[in-house]
Amino acid sequence: MLKQLAGFEISHMQVQRITNEIGNELREARDDKTEQYRTRKLKPKPGVPVELACVAIDGGRLQTRQQGQGTGVHNECWKETKIGCLMRMSGETFEQDPHPELPGCFASKKQVESICESHSQELSNPQESDNPPINVEGKSILEKRMTPPSWRPTRLFRTCVATLRTSNEFGKMLAAESQHRRFYEAKRQAFLGDGQAYNWTIQKLWFSDFVPIIDFVHVVEYVHQAAKAIHQTESEIWNHYVEWTTRCWQGKASEVIQEWESWLAAQPRVEGSGTEEESSEVKQKSRPLVANDSREIVQTTLTYFRNNCERMKYPEYRCGGLPTTSSMIESLVKEFNYRVKGTEKFWNRNDAATTKSDVDHPVESILQIRAALLSDDARLHKHLSTRPGKSLRHYQSHSP
């Protein structure tokens, strides 16, 4: 692009070296902010306190290979990227539920099947989901479908946090960014996530005052899968899906749980099927499992609902002007995946790494650049315009 548009030639290796250097500088700045938070030296950003603060987290995926094994891919494996979206939002509050009826997007058979199918594909074959359809405005089709009406809160400003490190370190990074953005001073606070267990550990440790909300789209997926497991005909599946989903939307998830428990108790146990205690092992899964046994599917759904029922008070959330879906973080994850995930894209992994810098290189630096580009605070531009200049720069030789 530089050669075609500006007549300026630069090698791809030079771009790679500069990119890694800038990304590592951003990583160091992020880690320094996190350390300031840990030692209680981090100062909030000047400005008016936030009216509505929302923290949403989710995970993406990328492929890695063992480095130092010559050409080709050796010992490949998937790694999870942990991504956080911190949003300053605007939304009205209501004395009564402003929208007790199930939204049209969740009552449309075509759209519901499309949502469930796309997530099922992502689980069973992640390689097929690396390039999501994007419209001309840069938003995913799912986000475009769910453009907020007047009763839903709207995003005013966002910043992003991304890492490959542990969930404990990720939580500290989110807390540091939240304190810097004065989220802890907000009048209304919300924390959105799926059923992944570490999401709610992060919420309890660093965002205990935030209202915990389970993403309603995941509820839709589980209900739809349970309806397919219990019923045979298309009409029965759809009618019960709509009935159960409407109850969940209206804050009556406990009633749905009772129906599933009654159905499960009435079914003869298949020899060799797992017990309820064994089925509880799936409680940390964030999305429905694909299984052949109807009992197993319903038990998985029950476990998910029992673990998250207290985070399904959707009428209360709507009255408080809080978001009920994580479509914005889902779209953000796909924007990260567009850069780091691909069917033939593998990142070197040093299995013998003993230091944090070894573990981080090189994906962590790329994630920081991506986070800076996708944040609304012009973070990358500010960093490039304020970083110390060096007229002479000597790069180390590149090791393939």
Protein backbone atom coordinates (compact mmCIF):
# COMPACT_ATOMS: atom_id res chain seq x y z
CA MET A 1 0.00 0.00 0.00
CA LEU A 2 2.83 2.40 0.84
CA LYS A 3 4.55 1.58 -2.44
CA GLN A 4 1.40 2.01 -4.53
CA LEU A 5 0.05 5.13 -2.82
CA ALA A 6 3.18 6.95 -1.68
CA GLY A 7 6.00 5.43 -3.71
CA PHE A 8 7.68 4.38 -0.46
CA GLU A 9 9.26 0.92 -0.24
CA ILE A 10 9.68 -0.94 3.03
CA SER A 11 10.31 -4.65 3.60
CA HIS A 12 7.78 -6.80 5.41
CA MET A 13 10.47 -7.77 7.94
CA GLN A 14 10.99 -4.12 8.80
CA VAL A 15 7.26 -3.71 9.35
CA GLN A 16 7.25 -6.81 11.55
CA ARG A 17 10.12 -5.53 13.70
CA ILE A 18 8.55 -2.10 14.14
CA THR A 19 5.16 -3.64 14.91
CA ASN A 20 6.61 -5.88 17.61
CA GLU A 21 8.52 -2.96 19.08
CA ILE A 22 5.45 -0.71 19.25
CA GLY A 23 3.31 -3.57 20.58
CA ASN A 24 5.81 -4.34 23.34
CA GLU A 25 5.86 -0.67 24.33
CA LEU A 26 2.07 -0.72 24.61
CA ARG A 27 2.27 -3.94 26.61
CA GLU A 28 4.75 -2.36 29.01
CA ALA A 29 2.48 0.67 29.40
CA ARG A 30 -0.47 -1.60 30.17
CA ASP A 31 1.54 -3.62 32.68
CA ASP A 32 2.79 -0.43 34.31
CA LYS A 33 -0.80 0.79 34.72
CA THR A 34 -1.77 -2.58 36.21
CA GLU A 35 1.13 -2.41 38.67
CA GLN A 36 0.13 1.12 39.68
CA TYR A 37 -3.35 -0.18 40.37
CA ARG A 38 -1.99 -3.07 42.43
CA THR A 39 0.13 -0.69 44.55
CA ARG A 40 -2.74 1.84 44.78
CA LYS A 41 -0.83 4.53 42.91
CA LEU A 42 -3.05 4.69 39.82
CA LYS A 43 -4.89 7.99 39.50
CA PRO A 44 -8.31 8.19 37.82
CA LYS A 45 -8.54 10.04 34.54
CA PRO A 46 -9.76 13.64 35.04
CA GLY A 47 -13.34 14.24 33.97
CA VAL A 48 -16.96 13.82 34.93
CA PRO A 49 -17.83 10.47 36.59
CA VAL A 50 -19.50 7.94 34.33
CA GLU A 51 -23.30 7.64 34.43
CA LEU A 52 -23.46 4.01 33.22
CA ALA A 53 -20.36 1.80 33.19
CA CYS A 54 -20.39 -1.62 31.57
CA VAL A 55 -17.60 -4.21 31.57
CA ALA A 56 -18.08 -7.12 29.16
CA ILE A 57 -15.61 -9.97 28.70
CA ASP A 58 -15.30 -12.90 26.33
CA GLY A 59 -12.66 -15.11 24.75
CA GLY A 60 -11.32 -15.57 21.26
CA ARG A 61 -9.01 -18.22 19.85
CA LEU A 62 -5.80 -18.47 17.87
CA GLN A 63 -3.52 -21.27 16.72
CA THR A 64 0.05 -21.73 17.92
CA ARG A 65 2.93 -24.01 16.98
CA GLN A 66 6.11 -25.02 18.75
CA GLN A 67 8.97 -22.87 17.61
CA GLY A 68 12.46 -24.01 16.70
CA GLN A 69 11.21 -27.07 14.81
CA GLY A 70 12.07 -25.98 11.29
CA THR A 71 9.62 -25.19 8.52
CA GLY A 72 6.02 -26.25 8.74
CA VAL A 73 3.70 -26.62 11.72
CA HIS A 74 4.74 -28.77 14.69
CA ASN A 75 2.75 -29.57 17.84
CA GLU A 76 0.00 -27.14 17.00
CA CYS A 77 -2.63 -26.23 19.59
CA TRP A 78 -5.30 -23.61 20.24
CA LYS A 79 -4.87 -20.79 22.75
CA GLU A 80 -7.57 -18.55 24.20
CA THR A 81 -7.37 -14.79 23.97
CA LYS A 82 -9.11 -13.01 26.84
CA ILE A 83 -10.76 -9.79 25.70
CA GLY A 84 -12.48 -7.09 27.72
CA CYS A 85 -14.68 -4.27 26.48
CA LEU A 86 -15.13 -1.33 28.87
CA MET A 87 -18.00 0.87 27.73
CA ARG A 88 -19.32 4.19 28.90
CA MET A 89 -23.00 4.00 28.04
CA SER A 90 -26.18 6.04 28.09
CA GLY A 91 -29.62 4.65 28.94
CA GLU A 92 -32.86 5.63 30.60
CA THR A 93 -34.26 4.05 33.75
CA PHE A 94 -37.89 2.93 34.10
CA GLU A 95 -40.29 2.22 36.94
CA GLN A 96 -41.82 -0.68 35.00
CA ASP A 97 -40.37 -3.11 32.48
CA PRO A 98 -40.16 -1.08 29.24
CA HIS A 99 -40.26 -4.17 27.01
CA PRO A 100 -41.82 -7.27 28.63
CA GLU A 101 -42.45 -8.93 25.27
CA LEU A 102 -39.76 -11.04 23.63
CA PRO A 103 -37.88 -8.96 20.99
CA GLY A 104 -38.53 -9.83 17.37
CA CYS A 105 -34.96 -11.01 16.75
CA PHE A 106 -35.45 -13.79 19.31
CA ALA A 107 -38.96 -14.64 18.07
CA SER A 108 -37.89 -15.01 14.42
CA LYS A 109 -37.27 -18.64 13.57
CA LYS A 110 -34.83 -17.79 10.79
CA GLN A 111 -32.73 -15.47 12.95
CA VAL A 112 -32.70 -17.78 15.96
CA GLU A 113 -31.56 -20.74 13.88
CA SER A 114 -28.89 -18.55 12.29
CA ILE A 115 -27.58 -17.44 15.69
CA CYS A 116 -27.52 -20.97 17.09
CA GLU A 117 -25.96 -22.43 13.96
CA SER A 118 -23.16 -19.84 13.83
CA HIS A 119 -22.19 -20.46 17.46
CA SER A 120 -22.39 -24.23 17.00
CA GLN A 121 -20.03 -23.98 14.03
CA GLU A 122 -17.61 -21.86 16.02
CA LEU A 123 -17.50 -24.53 18.73
CA SER A 124 -17.17 -27.59 16.52
CA ASN A 125 -14.90 -26.09 13.85
CA PRO A 126 -13.29 -22.80 14.90
CA GLN A 127 -11.38 -22.49 11.63
CA GLU A 128 -14.58 -21.73 9.73
CA SER A 129 -15.37 -18.65 11.80
CA ASP A 130 -12.23 -16.55 11.39
CA ASN A 131 -13.67 -14.03 8.91
CA PRO A 132 -17.16 -12.90 10.00
CA PRO A 133 -19.38 -11.00 7.54
CA ILE A 134 -18.88 -7.27 7.96
CA ASN A 135 -21.12 -4.51 6.66
CA VAL A 136 -19.90 -1.19 5.30
CA GLU A 137 -20.03 0.41 8.74
CA GLY A 138 -17.63 -2.14 10.20
CA LYS A 139 -20.21 -3.87 12.41
CA SER A 140 -21.03 -7.55 12.36
CA ILE A 141 -24.40 -8.57 10.98
CA LEU A 142 -25.49 -9.75 14.44
CA GLU A 143 -24.67 -6.34 15.95
CA LYS A 144 -26.49 -4.59 13.11
CA ARG A 145 -29.61 -6.71 13.69
CA MET A 146 -29.57 -5.77 17.35
CA THR A 147 -29.27 -2.00 16.93
CA PRO A 148 -30.64 -0.70 20.25
CA PRO A 149 -34.12 0.83 20.27
CA SER A 150 -34.97 3.62 22.70
CA TRP A 151 -35.25 1.37 25.78
CA ARG A 152 -31.82 -0.20 25.30
CA PRO A 153 -28.64 1.57 26.45
CA THR A 154 -26.29 2.84 23.76
CA ARG A 155 -22.52 2.85 23.72
CA LEU A 156 -20.84 6.24 23.98
CA PHE A 157 -17.18 5.31 24.37
CA ARG A 158 -15.16 2.13 24.69
CA THR A 159 -11.67 0.96 25.49
CA CYS A 160 -10.31 -2.57 25.09
CA VAL A 161 -8.10 -4.91 27.07
CA ALA A 162 -6.66 -8.10 25.56
CA THR A 163 -4.18 -10.73 26.70
CA LEU A 164 -3.12 -14.37 26.52
CA ARG A 165 -2.19 -14.42 30.20
CA THR A 166 -4.09 -16.04 33.05
CA SER A 167 -7.59 -14.99 34.08
CA ASN A 168 -6.18 -13.65 37.36
CA GLU A 169 -3.82 -11.27 35.54
CA PHE A 170 -6.59 -10.40 33.08
CA GLY A 171 -8.85 -9.41 35.98
CA LYS A 172 -6.21 -7.03 37.33
CA MET A 173 -5.81 -5.44 33.89
CA LEU A 174 -9.57 -4.88 33.68
CA ALA A 175 -9.64 -3.41 37.17
CA ALA A 176 -6.78 -1.04 36.37
CA GLU A 177 -8.48 0.18 33.19
CA SER A 178 -11.78 0.54 35.05
CA GLN A 179 -10.25 2.64 37.80
CA HIS A 180 -8.43 4.79 35.26
CA ARG A 181 -11.75 5.36 33.44
CA ARG A 182 -13.53 6.07 36.75
CA PHE A 183 -15.91 3.15 36.30
CA TYR A 184 -15.92 2.46 40.03
CA GLU A 185 -17.46 5.91 40.56
CA ALA A 186 -20.30 5.32 38.09
CA LYS A 187 -23.87 5.65 39.33
CA ARG A 188 -24.90 2.46 37.51
CA GLN A 189 -22.60 -0.47 36.85
CA ALA A 190 -23.01 -3.69 34.88
CA PHE A 191 -20.81 -6.73 34.26
CA LEU A 192 -21.66 -8.92 31.26
CA GLY A 193 -20.38 -12.36 30.38
CA ASP A 194 -21.24 -15.88 29.30
CA GLY A 195 -21.24 -18.99 31.49
CA GLN A 196 -17.45 -19.38 31.66
CA ALA A 197 -16.57 -19.88 35.33
CA TYR A 198 -13.58 -17.54 35.43
CA ASN A 199 -15.74 -14.66 34.16
CA TRP A 200 -17.69 -14.67 37.40
CA THR A 201 -14.59 -15.18 39.51
CA ILE A 202 -13.29 -11.94 37.97
CA GLN A 203 -16.62 -10.27 38.70
CA LYS A 204 -16.59 -11.34 42.36
CA LEU A 205 -12.97 -10.34 42.93
CA TRP A 206 -12.76 -7.00 41.12
CA PHE A 207 -16.30 -5.95 40.20
CA SER A 208 -18.39 -7.11 43.14
CA ASP A 209 -20.51 -3.92 43.13
CA PHE A 210 -21.33 -4.32 39.42
CA VAL A 211 -24.64 -5.99 38.51
CA PRO A 212 -23.77 -9.46 37.12
CA ILE A 213 -25.66 -10.22 33.89
CA ILE A 214 -25.54 -13.42 31.85
CA ASP A 215 -25.73 -12.77 28.12
CA PHE A 216 -29.29 -13.42 26.93
CA VAL A 217 -28.10 -14.72 23.55
CA HIS A 218 -26.48 -17.67 25.34
CA VAL A 219 -29.76 -18.31 27.14
CA VAL A 220 -31.48 -18.41 23.74
CA GLU A 221 -28.98 -21.00 22.49
CA TYR A 222 -29.45 -23.27 25.48
CA VAL A 223 -33.25 -23.04 25.40
CA HIS A 224 -33.32 -23.78 21.68
CA GLN A 225 -31.10 -26.83 22.12
CA ALA A 226 -33.21 -28.13 25.03
CA ALA A 227 -36.39 -27.73 22.97
CA LYS A 228 -34.84 -29.77 20.17
CA ALA A 229 -33.79 -32.48 22.63
CA ILE A 230 -37.19 -32.79 24.29
CA HIS A 231 -39.54 -32.49 21.32
CA GLN A 232 -39.68 -34.17 17.92
CA THR A 233 -41.77 -32.08 15.53
CA GLU A 234 -40.77 -28.65 14.26
CA SER A 235 -43.94 -27.03 15.59
CA GLU A 236 -43.45 -28.44 19.10
CA ILE A 237 -39.81 -27.40 19.15
CA TRP A 238 -40.56 -23.85 18.07
CA ASN A 239 -43.62 -23.35 20.26
CA HIS A 240 -41.84 -24.50 23.41
CA TYR A 241 -38.71 -22.55 22.51
CA VAL A 242 -40.76 -19.34 22.27
CA GLU A 243 -42.63 -20.12 25.50
CA TRP A 244 -39.49 -20.88 27.51
CA THR A 245 -37.47 -18.02 26.05
CA THR A 246 -40.29 -15.57 26.79
CA ARG A 247 -40.37 -16.73 30.40
CA CYS A 248 -36.62 -16.22 30.69
CA TRP A 249 -36.96 -12.76 29.14
CA GLN A 250 -39.59 -11.96 31.76
CA GLY A 251 -37.40 -13.12 34.63
CA LYS A 252 -39.11 -16.49 35.18
CA ALA A 253 -36.16 -18.79 34.50
CA SER A 254 -36.95 -20.75 37.69
CA GLU A 255 -40.24 -21.90 36.13
CA VAL A 256 -38.40 -23.20 33.08
CA ILE A 257 -35.94 -25.03 35.33
CA GLN A 258 -38.83 -26.76 37.11
CA GLU A 259 -40.30 -27.95 33.80
CA TRP A 260 -36.99 -29.39 32.68
CA GLU A 261 -36.46 -31.08 36.05
CA SER A 262 -39.90 -32.70 35.79
CA TRP A 263 -39.23 -33.89 32.26
CA LEU A 264 -35.84 -35.27 33.24
CA ALA A 265 -37.26 -37.12 36.25
CA ALA A 266 -39.87 -38.80 34.05
CA GLN A 267 -37.32 -40.16 31.56
CA PRO A 268 -35.91 -43.66 31.94
CA ARG A 269 -32.19 -43.58 32.57
CA VAL A 270 -30.13 -44.99 29.72
CA GLU A 271 -27.52 -47.52 30.81
CA GLY A 272 -24.10 -45.92 30.76
CA SER A 273 -25.38 -42.33 30.85
CA GLY A 274 -23.74 -40.03 33.36
CA THR A 275 -25.20 -39.06 36.70
CA GLU A 276 -26.20 -35.55 37.61
CA GLU A 277 -22.96 -35.17 39.55
CA GLU A 278 -20.95 -36.21 36.51
CA SER A 279 -22.96 -33.84 34.35
CA SER A 280 -22.04 -30.96 36.65
CA GLU A 281 -18.57 -31.06 35.14
CA VAL A 282 -19.95 -29.16 32.15
CA LYS A 283 -20.97 -26.21 34.30
CA GLN A 284 -17.94 -24.24 33.17
CA LYS A 285 -18.83 -24.52 29.51
CA SER A 286 -19.92 -21.21 28.02
CA ARG A 287 -22.14 -22.67 25.28
CA PRO A 288 -24.36 -25.72 24.78
CA LEU A 289 -22.73 -29.04 24.06
CA VAL A 290 -23.69 -31.08 21.05
CA ALA A 291 -24.72 -34.52 22.27
CA ASN A 292 -26.80 -37.43 21.02
CA ASP A 293 -28.51 -38.26 24.30
CA SER A 294 -31.51 -36.02 25.03
CA ARG A 295 -31.04 -36.51 28.76
CA GLU A 296 -27.46 -35.30 28.55
CA ILE A 297 -28.46 -32.18 26.60
CA VAL A 298 -31.23 -31.28 29.03
CA GLN A 299 -28.98 -31.98 32.03
CA THR A 300 -26.30 -29.71 30.55
CA THR A 301 -28.87 -26.98 30.05
CA LEU A 302 -30.19 -27.42 33.59
CA THR A 303 -26.69 -27.14 35.03
CA TYR A 304 -26.11 -23.93 33.11
CA PHE A 305 -29.41 -22.42 34.26
CA ARG A 306 -28.93 -23.44 37.89
CA ASN A 307 -25.48 -21.87 37.95
CA ASN A 308 -26.60 -18.63 36.33
CA CYS A 309 -30.25 -18.18 37.34
CA GLU A 310 -29.37 -15.29 39.68
CA ARG A 311 -27.84 -13.48 36.71
CA MET A 312 -31.03 -13.74 34.61
CA LYS A 313 -33.15 -10.98 36.22
CA TYR A 314 -33.72 -9.31 32.88
CA PRO A 315 -36.79 -7.19 33.82
CA GLU A 316 -34.72 -5.60 36.61
CA TYR A 317 -31.88 -4.94 34.22
CA ARG A 318 -34.16 -3.29 31.68
CA CYS A 319 -35.76 -1.12 34.37
CA GLY A 320 -32.27 -0.03 35.40
CA GLY A 321 -31.32 0.81 31.81
CA LEU A 322 -28.66 -1.92 31.75
CA PRO A 323 -27.64 -4.04 28.74
CA THR A 324 -28.87 -7.64 28.55
CA THR A 325 -26.80 -9.01 25.66
CA SER A 326 -23.06 -9.15 25.00
CA SER A 327 -23.34 -8.57 21.26
CA MET A 328 -20.84 -5.71 21.47
CA ILE A 329 -18.11 -7.84 23.04
CA GLU A 330 -18.94 -10.71 20.66
CA SER A 331 -18.38 -8.36 17.72
CA LEU A 332 -15.19 -7.06 19.30
CA VAL A 333 -13.81 -10.58 19.69
CA LYS A 334 -14.39 -11.19 15.98
CA GLU A 335 -12.48 -8.00 15.17
CA PHE A 336 -9.55 -9.33 17.19
CA ASN A 337 -9.86 -12.75 15.54
CA TYR A 338 -9.75 -11.14 12.12
CA ARG A 339 -6.12 -10.18 12.87
CA VAL A 340 -4.77 -13.13 14.85
CA LYS A 341 -6.87 -16.12 13.80
CA GLY A 342 -6.87 -17.98 10.50
CA THR A 343 -6.92 -21.48 9.08
CA GLU A 344 -3.27 -21.19 8.04
CA LYS A 345 -2.09 -18.69 10.64
CA PHE A 346 0.10 -20.10 13.43
CA TRP A 347 1.98 -18.15 16.09
CA ASN A 348 5.25 -19.43 17.51
CA ARG A 349 4.99 -20.86 21.02
CA ASN A 350 7.99 -21.38 23.26
CA ASP A 351 7.06 -24.39 25.39
CA ALA A 352 10.24 -23.98 27.44
CA ALA A 353 9.56 -20.34 28.30
CA THR A 354 10.34 -19.37 31.89
CA THR A 355 9.77 -15.61 31.81
CA LYS A 356 6.71 -13.48 31.13
CA SER A 357 8.33 -11.79 28.12
CA ASP A 358 9.03 -15.18 26.54
CA VAL A 359 5.40 -16.24 27.05
CA ASP A 360 4.08 -12.99 25.63
CA HIS A 361 6.11 -12.90 22.42
CA PRO A 362 4.88 -12.26 19.78
CA VAL A 363 1.08 -12.49 20.05
CA GLU A 364 0.77 -10.30 23.15
CA SER A 365 2.33 -7.34 21.34
CA ILE A 366 -0.02 -7.77 18.37
CA LEU A 367 -3.04 -7.92 20.72
CA GLN A 368 -1.99 -4.60 22.28
CA ILE A 369 -1.84 -2.88 18.90
CA ARG A 370 -5.20 -4.34 17.98
CA ALA A 371 -6.68 -3.19 21.31
CA ALA A 372 -5.28 0.30 20.77
CA LEU A 373 -6.74 0.49 17.26
CA LEU A 374 -10.18 -0.68 18.40
CA SER A 375 -10.36 1.64 21.41
CA ASP A 376 -12.04 5.04 21.09
CA ASP A 377 -9.33 6.94 22.97
CA ALA A 378 -6.88 7.24 20.02
CA ARG A 379 -4.41 5.29 22.15
CA LEU A 380 -2.15 4.21 19.30
CA HIS A 381 -1.98 7.70 17.77
CA LYS A 382 -1.12 9.24 21.15
CA HIS A 383 1.55 6.65 21.80
CA LEU A 384 3.19 7.13 18.41
CA SER A 385 3.16 10.92 18.75
CA THR A 386 4.60 10.98 22.28
CA ARG A 387 7.08 8.07 22.35
CA PRO A 388 10.75 9.10 22.61
CA GLY A 389 12.31 9.49 19.15
CA LYS A 390 15.51 7.77 18.17
CA SER A 391 17.33 9.01 15.10
CA LEU A 392 19.50 5.89 14.91
CA ARG A 393 17.90 2.55 15.62
CA HIS A 394 19.66 -0.80 15.47
CA TYR A 395 17.50 -3.89 15.22
CA GLN A 396 18.57 -7.34 16.16
CA SER A 397 18.84 -9.87 13.37
CA HIS A 398 15.64 -11.78 12.80
CA SER A 399 15.51 -15.44 13.75
CA PRO A 400 12.98 -17.38 11.62
